[in-house]
Amino acid sequence: MLIELPITEIILLNATAWLLIQFGLAWWLTRISAGHFNPRSPLAQLWRWEKSGRAYEKFFAIKRWKDSLPDGARWLGDAFSKADLRKRTPEFFEQFLRETWRGEVVHWLALLAVPLFAIWNPPWAVAVNGLYALAANLPCILVQRYNRSRFLRVTAE
């Protein structure tokens, strides 16, 4: 911990930092053209254990809870909402794939911010922030990967 603060200020700073990180990353990445988010790039590739998304259904029961997560895109105004599946064109499917990769990147980057909290938090609070980051971002990452795997399966058929 580089900066000593009273616990109430630490809590307030943590909450503010997480709001700025989560929404700041989402806002910033929605300003980048979707063309920069290639859902078939090596970083976006599905892993063998995911079994084209079926592992998410079997091990995480993702179908039961995925729709209860908020779609952050709606909070950003003009962003692409992944909850809107009315269109069934190849162009829409490709855009959906790109947006799931964009959303996943936002959540991975948020997880990478955890070490920042070591500046003003004692070690136990850094761990608490790390747990928060996992709880807030990992379900979203799983849903993005699951949805992308399903769409990749559909577009390959």
Protein backbone atom coordinates (compact mmCIF):
# COMPACT_ATOMS: atom_id res chain seq x y z
CA MET A 1 0.00 0.00 0.00
CA LEU A 2 1.60 3.25 -1.16
CA ILE A 3 -1.05 5.61 0.16
CA GLU A 4 -2.46 5.41 3.71
CA LEU A 5 -6.16 6.30 3.91
CA PRO A 6 -8.94 5.82 6.45
CA ILE A 7 -11.13 2.79 5.73
CA THR A 8 -14.16 4.89 4.75
CA GLU A 9 -12.11 6.73 2.15
CA ILE A 10 -10.69 3.43 0.88
CA ILE A 11 -14.20 2.03 0.42
CA LEU A 12 -15.36 5.17 -1.36
CA LEU A 13 -12.26 5.21 -3.57
CA ASN A 14 -12.68 1.51 -4.41
CA ALA A 15 -16.32 1.95 -5.41
CA THR A 16 -15.53 5.04 -7.49
CA ALA A 17 -12.54 3.36 -9.12
CA TRP A 18 -14.58 0.31 -10.12
CA LEU A 19 -17.35 2.47 -11.60
CA LEU A 20 -14.81 4.47 -13.60
CA ILE A 21 -12.92 1.38 -14.72
CA GLN A 22 -15.96 -0.65 -15.78
CA PHE A 23 -17.86 2.15 -17.49
CA GLY A 24 -14.74 3.87 -18.75
CA LEU A 25 -13.49 0.74 -20.50
CA ALA A 26 -16.93 0.01 -21.92
CA TRP A 27 -17.35 3.58 -23.16
CA TRP A 28 -13.84 3.71 -24.63
CA LEU A 29 -14.08 0.37 -26.41
CA THR A 30 -17.51 1.17 -27.87
CA ARG A 31 -15.89 4.19 -29.52
CA ILE A 32 -13.54 1.89 -31.44
CA SER A 33 -14.86 0.54 -34.73
CA ALA A 34 -16.30 -2.96 -34.47
CA GLY A 35 -14.04 -3.88 -37.37
CA HIS A 36 -11.11 -3.90 -34.94
CA PHE A 37 -12.69 -6.75 -32.95
CA ASN A 38 -12.11 -9.91 -34.94
CA PRO A 39 -14.01 -12.77 -33.27
CA ARG A 40 -11.84 -15.24 -35.19
CA SER A 41 -8.51 -13.80 -34.03
CA PRO A 42 -6.15 -16.03 -32.03
CA LEU A 43 -7.02 -14.23 -28.78
CA ALA A 44 -10.76 -14.75 -29.33
CA GLN A 45 -10.50 -18.41 -30.27
CA LEU A 46 -12.54 -20.85 -28.28
CA TRP A 47 -10.61 -23.38 -26.27
CA ARG A 48 -11.01 -27.09 -26.85
CA TRP A 49 -12.52 -27.66 -23.39
CA GLU A 50 -15.37 -25.27 -24.28
CA LYS A 51 -16.69 -27.85 -26.77
CA SER A 52 -18.35 -25.22 -28.98
CA GLY A 53 -20.12 -23.77 -25.95
CA ARG A 54 -21.62 -27.01 -24.70
CA ALA A 55 -19.28 -27.03 -21.68
CA TYR A 56 -20.94 -23.82 -20.46
CA GLU A 57 -24.31 -25.53 -20.49
CA LYS A 58 -23.04 -28.65 -18.74
CA PHE A 59 -20.65 -27.23 -16.11
CA PHE A 60 -22.02 -23.74 -15.50
CA ALA A 61 -25.76 -24.22 -16.22
CA ILE A 62 -25.41 -20.99 -18.18
CA LYS A 63 -28.85 -21.16 -19.79
CA ARG A 64 -30.45 -20.75 -16.34
CA TRP A 65 -28.77 -17.47 -15.41
CA LYS A 66 -27.28 -15.78 -18.48
CA ASP A 67 -30.38 -13.70 -19.24
CA SER A 68 -30.36 -12.24 -15.73
CA LEU A 69 -27.10 -10.38 -16.39
CA PRO A 70 -27.53 -6.78 -17.50
CA ASP A 71 -26.54 -5.83 -21.04
CA GLY A 72 -24.11 -2.99 -20.43
CA ALA A 73 -24.46 -1.89 -24.05
CA ARG A 74 -27.90 -0.47 -23.26
CA TRP A 75 -26.35 1.83 -20.65
CA LEU A 76 -24.04 3.33 -23.28
CA GLY A 77 -26.77 4.71 -25.53
CA ASP A 78 -25.82 4.00 -29.12
CA ALA A 79 -23.97 0.76 -28.43
CA PHE A 80 -25.03 -2.52 -30.06
CA SER A 81 -27.38 -4.42 -27.78
CA LYS A 82 -26.64 -8.13 -27.81
CA ALA A 83 -30.07 -8.84 -26.33
CA ASP A 84 -31.75 -7.84 -29.61
CA LEU A 85 -31.84 -10.91 -31.85
CA ARG A 86 -34.66 -9.90 -34.18
CA LYS A 87 -32.46 -9.73 -37.26
CA ARG A 88 -31.25 -12.96 -38.79
CA THR A 89 -28.95 -11.78 -41.56
CA PRO A 90 -25.31 -12.82 -42.04
CA GLU A 91 -24.31 -9.18 -41.46
CA PHE A 92 -26.13 -9.09 -38.13
CA PHE A 93 -24.57 -12.40 -37.05
CA GLU A 94 -21.11 -11.08 -37.90
CA GLN A 95 -21.78 -7.87 -35.97
CA PHE A 96 -23.04 -9.92 -33.02
CA LEU A 97 -19.85 -12.01 -33.07
CA ARG A 98 -17.72 -8.86 -33.08
CA GLU A 99 -19.71 -7.35 -30.22
CA THR A 100 -19.38 -10.46 -28.06
CA TRP A 101 -15.61 -10.26 -28.53
CA ARG A 102 -15.64 -6.54 -27.74
CA GLY A 103 -17.66 -7.20 -24.57
CA GLU A 104 -15.31 -9.96 -23.53
CA VAL A 105 -12.30 -7.67 -24.01
CA VAL A 106 -13.92 -5.04 -21.76
CA HIS A 107 -14.28 -7.58 -18.96
CA TRP A 108 -10.78 -9.03 -19.35
CA LEU A 109 -9.30 -5.53 -19.21
CA ALA A 110 -11.30 -4.77 -16.06
CA LEU A 111 -9.78 -7.85 -14.42
CA LEU A 112 -6.33 -6.59 -15.33
CA ALA A 113 -7.01 -3.45 -13.29
CA VAL A 114 -6.93 -5.29 -9.94
CA PRO A 115 -3.22 -4.57 -9.24
CA LEU A 116 -4.02 -0.85 -9.36
CA PHE A 117 -5.91 -1.28 -6.09
CA ALA A 118 -2.66 -2.17 -4.29
CA ILE A 119 -1.79 1.53 -4.37
CA TRP A 120 -4.29 2.48 -1.66
CA ASN A 121 -5.53 -0.84 -0.24
CA PRO A 122 -3.95 -3.14 2.33
CA PRO A 123 -3.26 -6.66 0.98
CA TRP A 124 -6.49 -8.14 2.36
CA ALA A 125 -8.52 -5.40 0.61
CA VAL A 126 -6.68 -5.99 -2.67
CA ALA A 127 -7.80 -9.61 -2.38
CA VAL A 128 -11.39 -8.47 -1.71
CA ASN A 129 -11.23 -6.25 -4.79
CA GLY A 130 -9.87 -9.18 -6.78
CA LEU A 131 -12.80 -11.32 -5.67
CA TYR A 132 -15.18 -8.52 -6.59
CA ALA A 133 -13.55 -8.22 -10.02
CA LEU A 134 -13.94 -11.95 -10.62
CA ALA A 135 -17.56 -11.96 -9.44
CA ALA A 136 -18.46 -8.92 -11.57
CA ASN A 137 -16.58 -9.88 -14.74
CA LEU A 138 -16.20 -13.64 -14.99
CA PRO A 139 -19.93 -14.37 -15.48
CA CYS A 140 -19.98 -11.77 -18.27
CA ILE A 141 -16.91 -13.31 -19.92
CA LEU A 142 -18.52 -16.75 -19.75
CA VAL A 143 -21.74 -15.47 -21.34
CA GLN A 144 -19.85 -13.64 -24.12
CA ARG A 145 -17.82 -16.76 -24.91
CA TYR A 146 -20.91 -18.96 -24.77
CA ASN A 147 -22.90 -16.69 -27.09
CA ARG A 148 -19.98 -16.37 -29.50
CA SER A 149 -19.55 -20.14 -29.58
CA ARG A 150 -23.22 -20.62 -30.43
CA PHE A 151 -23.11 -18.03 -33.20
CA LEU A 152 -19.90 -19.46 -34.63
CA ARG A 153 -21.58 -22.86 -34.67
CA VAL A 154 -24.65 -21.44 -36.47
CA THR A 155 -22.63 -19.47 -39.02
CA ALA A 156 -20.46 -22.51 -39.79
CA GLU A 157 -23.50 -24.64 -40.68
